[in-house]
PDB file of N, CA and C in Angstrom:
ATOM      1  N   MET A   1      91.949  99.217 141.437  1.00  0.00           N
ATOM      2  CA  MET A   1      93.249  99.844 141.536  1.00  0.00           C
ATOM      3  C   MET A   1      94.259  99.204 140.590  1.00  0.00           C
ATOM      4  N   LEU A   2      94.050  97.947 140.252  1.00  0.00           N
ATOM      5  CA  LEU A   2      94.988  97.227 139.391  1.00  0.00           C
ATOM      6  C   LEU A   2      95.195  97.913 138.046  1.00  0.00           C
ATOM      7  N   GLU A   3      94.166  98.553 137.531  1.00  0.00           N
ATOM      8  CA  GLU A   3      94.290  99.182 136.208  1.00  0.00           C
ATOM      9  C   GLU A   3      95.295 100.332 136.179  1.00  0.00           C
ATOM     10  N   PHE A   4      95.699 100.828 137.353  1.00  0.00           N
ATOM     11  CA  PHE A   4      96.674 101.917 137.414  1.00  0.00           C
ATOM     12  C   PHE A   4      98.107 101.428 137.542  1.00  0.00           C
ATOM     13  N   LEU A   5      98.280 100.143 137.857  1.00  0.00           N
ATOM     14  CA  LEU A   5      99.621  99.587 138.026  1.00  0.00           C
ATOM     15  C   LEU A   5     100.098  98.951 136.733  1.00  0.00           C
ATOM     16  N   VAL A   6     101.356  99.176 136.404  1.00  0.00           N
ATOM     17  CA  VAL A   6     101.979  98.552 135.242  1.00  0.00           C
ATOM     18  C   VAL A   6     103.320  97.967 135.663  1.00  0.00           C
ATOM     19  N   CYS A   7     103.835  97.090 134.860  1.00  0.00           N
ATOM     20  CA  CYS A   7     105.135  96.483 135.125  1.00  0.00           C
ATOM     21  C   CYS A   7     106.214  97.563 135.088  1.00  0.00           C
ATOM     22  N   PRO A   8     107.056  97.645 136.123  1.00  0.00           N
ATOM     23  CA  PRO A   8     108.107  98.665 136.122  1.00  0.00           C
ATOM     24  C   PRO A   8     109.198  98.403 135.080  1.00  0.00           C
ATOM     25  N   GLU A   9     109.292  97.178 134.599  1.00  0.00           N
ATOM     26  CA  GLU A   9     110.302  96.839 133.594  1.00  0.00           C
ATOM     27  C   GLU A   9     109.834  97.151 132.174  1.00  0.00           C
ATOM     28  N   THR A  10     108.596  96.773 131.852  1.00  0.00           N
ATOM     29  CA  THR A  10     108.103  96.875 130.476  1.00  0.00           C
ATOM     30  C   THR A  10     106.958  97.863 130.299  1.00  0.00           C
ATOM     31  N   HIS A  11     106.375  98.322 131.390  1.00  0.00           N
ATOM     32  CA  HIS A  11     105.198  99.200 131.391  1.00  0.00           C
ATOM     33  C   HIS A  11     103.971  98.511 130.806  1.00  0.00           C
ATOM     34  N   ALA A  12     103.987  97.179 130.816  1.00  0.00           N
ATOM     35  CA  ALA A  12     102.860  96.389 130.324  1.00  0.00           C
ATOM     36  C   ALA A  12     101.823  96.206 131.432  1.00  0.00           C
ATOM     37  N   VAL A  13     100.638  95.805 131.022  1.00  0.00           N
ATOM     38  CA  VAL A  13      99.535  95.531 131.941  1.00  0.00           C
ATOM     39  C   VAL A  13      99.884  94.335 132.826  1.00  0.00           C
ATOM     40  N   LEU A  14      99.429  94.382 134.077  1.00  0.00           N
ATOM     41  CA  LEU A  14      99.636  93.291 135.018  1.00  0.00           C
ATOM     42  C   LEU A  14      98.327  92.545 135.242  1.00  0.00           C
ATOM     43  N   SER A  15      98.445  91.254 135.543  1.00  0.00           N
ATOM     44  CA  SER A  15      97.263  90.486 135.936  1.00  0.00           C
ATOM     45  C   SER A  15      97.451  90.035 137.379  1.00  0.00           C
ATOM     46  N   TYR A  16      96.340  89.825 138.064  1.00  0.00           N
ATOM     47  CA  TYR A  16      96.363  89.478 139.480  1.00  0.00           C
ATOM     48  C   TYR A  16      96.186  87.979 139.652  1.00  0.00           C
ATOM     49  N   ASP A  17      97.101  87.340 140.349  1.00  0.00           N
ATOM     50  CA  ASP A  17      96.999  85.925 140.699  1.00  0.00           C
ATOM     51  C   ASP A  17      96.630  85.847 142.171  1.00  0.00           C
ATOM     52  N   ALA A  18      95.345  85.623 142.457  1.00  0.00           N
ATOM     53  CA  ALA A  18      94.844  85.628 143.836  1.00  0.00           C
ATOM     54  C   ALA A  18      95.404  84.469 144.653  1.00  0.00           C
ATOM     55  N   ASP A  19      95.609  83.306 144.033  1.00  0.00           N
ATOM     56  CA  ASP A  19      96.116  82.145 144.755  1.00  0.00           C
ATOM     57  C   ASP A  19      97.531  82.373 145.280  1.00  0.00           C
ATOM     58  N   ARG A  20      98.371  82.999 144.480  1.00  0.00           N
ATOM     59  CA  ARG A  20      99.765  83.230 144.863  1.00  0.00           C
ATOM     60  C   ARG A  20     100.007  84.622 145.441  1.00  0.00           C
ATOM     61  N   GLN A  21      98.980  85.466 145.430  1.00  0.00           N
ATOM     62  CA  GLN A  21      99.109  86.852 145.895  1.00  0.00           C
ATOM     63  C   GLN A  21     100.253  87.553 145.162  1.00  0.00           C
ATOM     64  N   GLU A  22     100.131  87.584 143.829  1.00  0.00           N
ATOM     65  CA  GLU A  22     101.145  88.189 142.972  1.00  0.00           C
ATOM     66  C   GLU A  22     100.487  88.993 141.861  1.00  0.00           C
ATOM     67  N   LEU A  23     101.228  89.961 141.358  1.00  0.00           N
ATOM     68  CA  LEU A  23     100.869  90.662 140.135  1.00  0.00           C
ATOM     69  C   LEU A  23     101.808  90.144 139.054  1.00  0.00           C
ATOM     70  N   VAL A  24     101.244  89.659 137.965  1.00  0.00           N
ATOM     71  CA  VAL A  24     102.017  88.967 136.941  1.00  0.00           C
ATOM     72  C   VAL A  24     102.173  89.833 135.702  1.00  0.00           C
ATOM     73  N   SER A  25     103.426  89.952 135.262  1.00  0.00           N
ATOM     74  CA  SER A  25     103.734  90.621 134.003  1.00  0.00           C
ATOM     75  C   SER A  25     104.130  89.551 132.999  1.00  0.00           C
ATOM     76  N   LYS A  26     103.225  89.244 132.074  1.00  0.00           N
ATOM     77  CA  LYS A  26     103.541  88.249 131.051  1.00  0.00           C
ATOM     78  C   LYS A  26     104.621  88.773 130.106  1.00  0.00           C
ATOM     79  N   ALA A  27     104.649  90.064 129.876  1.00  0.00           N
ATOM     80  CA  ALA A  27     105.637  90.660 128.977  1.00  0.00           C
ATOM     81  C   ALA A  27     107.057  90.511 129.522  1.00  0.00           C
ATOM     82  N   ALA A  28     107.238  90.682 130.827  1.00  0.00           N
ATOM     83  CA  ALA A  28     108.564  90.593 131.443  1.00  0.00           C
ATOM     84  C   ALA A  28     108.846  89.206 132.017  1.00  0.00           C
ATOM     85  N   HIS A  29     107.837  88.333 132.017  1.00  0.00           N
ATOM     86  CA  HIS A  29     107.961  86.995 132.619  1.00  0.00           C
ATOM     87  C   HIS A  29     108.347  87.089 134.090  1.00  0.00           C
ATOM     88  N   LEU A  30     107.690  88.041 134.805  1.00  0.00           N
ATOM     89  CA  LEU A  30     107.950  88.254 136.219  1.00  0.00           C
ATOM     90  C   LEU A  30     106.638  88.276 136.991  1.00  0.00           C
ATOM     91  N   ALA A  31     106.715  87.861 138.257  1.00  0.00           N
ATOM     92  CA  ALA A  31     105.565  87.930 139.163  1.00  0.00           C
ATOM     93  C   ALA A  31     105.991  88.710 140.393  1.00  0.00           C
ATOM     94  N   TYR A  32     105.328  89.823 140.632  1.00  0.00           N
ATOM     95  CA  TYR A  32     105.640  90.706 141.757  1.00  0.00           C
ATOM     96  C   TYR A  32     104.785  90.317 142.960  1.00  0.00           C
ATOM     97  N   PRO A  33     105.401  90.106 144.112  1.00  0.00           N
ATOM     98  CA  PRO A  33     104.634  89.670 145.286  1.00  0.00           C
ATOM     99  C   PRO A  33     103.781  90.791 145.871  1.00  0.00           C
ATOM    100  N   ILE A  34     102.728  90.372 146.557  1.00  0.00           N
ATOM    101  CA  ILE A  34     101.898  91.295 147.328  1.00  0.00           C
ATOM    102  C   ILE A  34     102.037  90.862 148.782  1.00  0.00           C
ATOM    103  N   ARG A  35     102.556  91.749 149.609  1.00  0.00           N
ATOM    104  CA  ARG A  35     102.783  91.433 151.027  1.00  0.00           C
ATOM    105  C   ARG A  35     101.998  92.412 151.888  1.00  0.00           C
ATOM    106  N   GLY A  36     101.152  91.869 152.734  1.00  0.00           N
ATOM    107  CA  GLY A  36     100.338  92.718 153.601  1.00  0.00           C
ATOM    108  C   GLY A  36      99.450  93.669 152.826  1.00  0.00           C
ATOM    109  N   GLY A  37      99.020  93.229 151.637  1.00  0.00           N
ATOM    110  CA  GLY A  37      98.162  94.062 150.801  1.00  0.00           C
ATOM    111  C   GLY A  37      98.898  95.098 149.973  1.00  0.00           C
ATOM    112  N   ILE A  38     100.226  95.096 150.044  1.00  0.00           N
ATOM    113  CA  ILE A  38     101.036  96.091 149.319  1.00  0.00           C
ATOM    114  C   ILE A  38     101.835  95.398 148.218  1.00  0.00           C
ATOM    115  N   PRO A  39     101.649  95.800 146.954  1.00  0.00           N
ATOM    116  CA  PRO A  39     102.440  95.201 145.879  1.00  0.00           C
ATOM    117  C   PRO A  39     103.893  95.683 145.962  1.00  0.00           C
ATOM    118  N   ILE A  40     104.814  94.734 145.874  1.00  0.00           N
ATOM    119  CA  ILE A  40     106.243  95.035 145.902  1.00  0.00           C
ATOM    120  C   ILE A  40     106.723  95.062 144.454  1.00  0.00           C
ATOM    121  N   MET A  41     106.801  96.255 143.900  1.00  0.00           N
ATOM    122  CA  MET A  41     107.074  96.423 142.474  1.00  0.00           C
ATOM    123  C   MET A  41     108.564  96.634 142.190  1.00  0.00           C
ATOM    124  N   LEU A  42     109.394  95.790 142.754  1.00  0.00           N
ATOM    125  CA  LEU A  42     110.837  95.847 142.552  1.00  0.00           C
ATOM    126  C   LEU A  42     111.279  94.597 141.805  1.00  0.00           C
ATOM    127  N   ALA A  43     112.058  94.771 140.741  1.00  0.00           N
ATOM    128  CA  ALA A  43     112.505  93.634 139.946  1.00  0.00           C
ATOM    129  C   ALA A  43     113.288  92.632 140.786  1.00  0.00           C
ATOM    130  N   GLY A  44     114.047  93.107 141.761  1.00  0.00           N
ATOM    131  CA  GLY A  44     114.813  92.230 142.616  1.00  0.00           C
ATOM    132  C   GLY A  44     113.969  91.370 143.543  1.00  0.00           C
ATOM    133  N   GLU A  45     112.735  91.766 143.764  1.00  0.00           N
ATOM    134  CA  GLU A  45     111.804  91.004 144.602  1.00  0.00           C
ATOM    135  C   GLU A  45     110.886  90.101 143.772  1.00  0.00           C
ATOM    136  N   ALA A  46     110.896  90.276 142.457  1.00  0.00           N
ATOM    137  CA  ALA A  46     109.995  89.534 141.579  1.00  0.00           C
ATOM    138  C   ALA A  46     110.485  88.094 141.369  1.00  0.00           C
ATOM    139  N   ARG A  47     109.528  87.230 141.142  1.00  0.00           N
ATOM    140  CA  ARG A  47     109.808  85.826 140.830  1.00  0.00           C
ATOM    141  C   ARG A  47     109.819  85.662 139.323  1.00  0.00           C
ATOM    142  N   GLN A  48     110.832  84.990 138.806  1.00  0.00           N
ATOM    143  CA  GLN A  48     110.926  84.721 137.366  1.00  0.00           C
ATOM    144  C   GLN A  48     109.923  83.641 136.986  1.00  0.00           C
ATOM    145  N   LEU A  49     109.156  83.884 135.936  1.00  0.00           N
ATOM    146  CA  LEU A  49     108.188  82.897 135.445  1.00  0.00           C
ATOM    147  C   LEU A  49     108.860  82.013 134.401  1.00  0.00           C
ATOM    148  N   ASP A  50     108.358  80.793 134.289  1.00  0.00           N
ATOM    149  CA  ASP A  50     108.907  79.852 133.291  1.00  0.00           C
ATOM    150  C   ASP A  50     108.539  80.249 131.900  1.00  0.00           C
TER     151      ASP A  50
END
Protein backbone atom coordinates (compact mmCIF):
# COMPACT_ATOMS: atom_id res chain seq x y z
CA MET A 1 0.00 0.00 0.00
CA LEU A 2 2.94 2.33 0.61
CA GLU A 3 3.56 2.75 -3.11
CA PHE A 4 0.23 4.62 -3.41
CA LEU A 5 1.01 7.18 -0.70
CA VAL A 6 3.01 10.32 -1.41
CA CYS A 7 4.00 13.32 0.67
CA PRO A 8 1.10 15.80 0.73
CA GLU A 9 3.58 18.70 0.67
CA THR A 10 5.93 17.66 -2.15
CA HIS A 11 4.21 14.64 -3.75
CA ALA A 12 7.49 12.77 -3.30
CA VAL A 13 7.85 9.09 -2.44
CA LEU A 14 7.65 8.14 1.24
CA SER A 15 9.71 5.57 3.10
CA TYR A 16 8.49 3.54 6.06
CA ASP A 17 10.31 3.70 9.40
CA ALA A 18 9.07 0.62 11.28
CA ASP A 19 10.88 1.49 14.53
CA ARG A 20 9.23 4.90 14.85
CA GLN A 21 5.97 3.97 13.07
CA GLU A 22 6.32 6.87 10.63
CA LEU A 23 6.24 7.58 6.93
CA VAL A 24 9.25 9.71 6.04
CA SER A 25 9.44 12.32 3.31
CA LYS A 26 13.10 13.10 2.68
CA ALA A 27 12.09 15.79 0.18
CA ALA A 28 10.02 17.73 2.74
CA HIS A 29 12.16 16.74 5.76
CA LEU A 30 8.99 15.54 7.52
CA ALA A 31 7.93 12.31 9.22
CA TYR A 32 4.21 11.53 9.29
CA PRO A 33 3.04 9.40 12.23
CA ILE A 34 1.13 6.16 11.93
CA ARG A 35 -1.43 5.76 14.71
CA GLY A 36 -3.48 2.61 15.09
CA GLY A 37 -2.32 1.50 11.65
CA ILE A 38 -3.56 4.72 10.02
CA PRO A 39 -1.07 7.18 8.50
CA ILE A 40 -1.75 10.76 9.60
CA MET A 41 -0.88 12.70 6.46
CA LEU A 42 -1.28 16.21 7.87
CA ALA A 43 1.65 18.63 7.87
CA GLY A 44 0.60 19.91 11.29
CA GLU A 45 0.94 16.40 12.73
CA ALA A 46 4.30 15.69 11.05
CA ARG A 47 7.62 15.73 12.87
CA GLN A 48 10.35 17.93 11.40
CA LEU A 49 13.49 15.98 10.50
CA ASP A 50 16.98 17.34 11.12
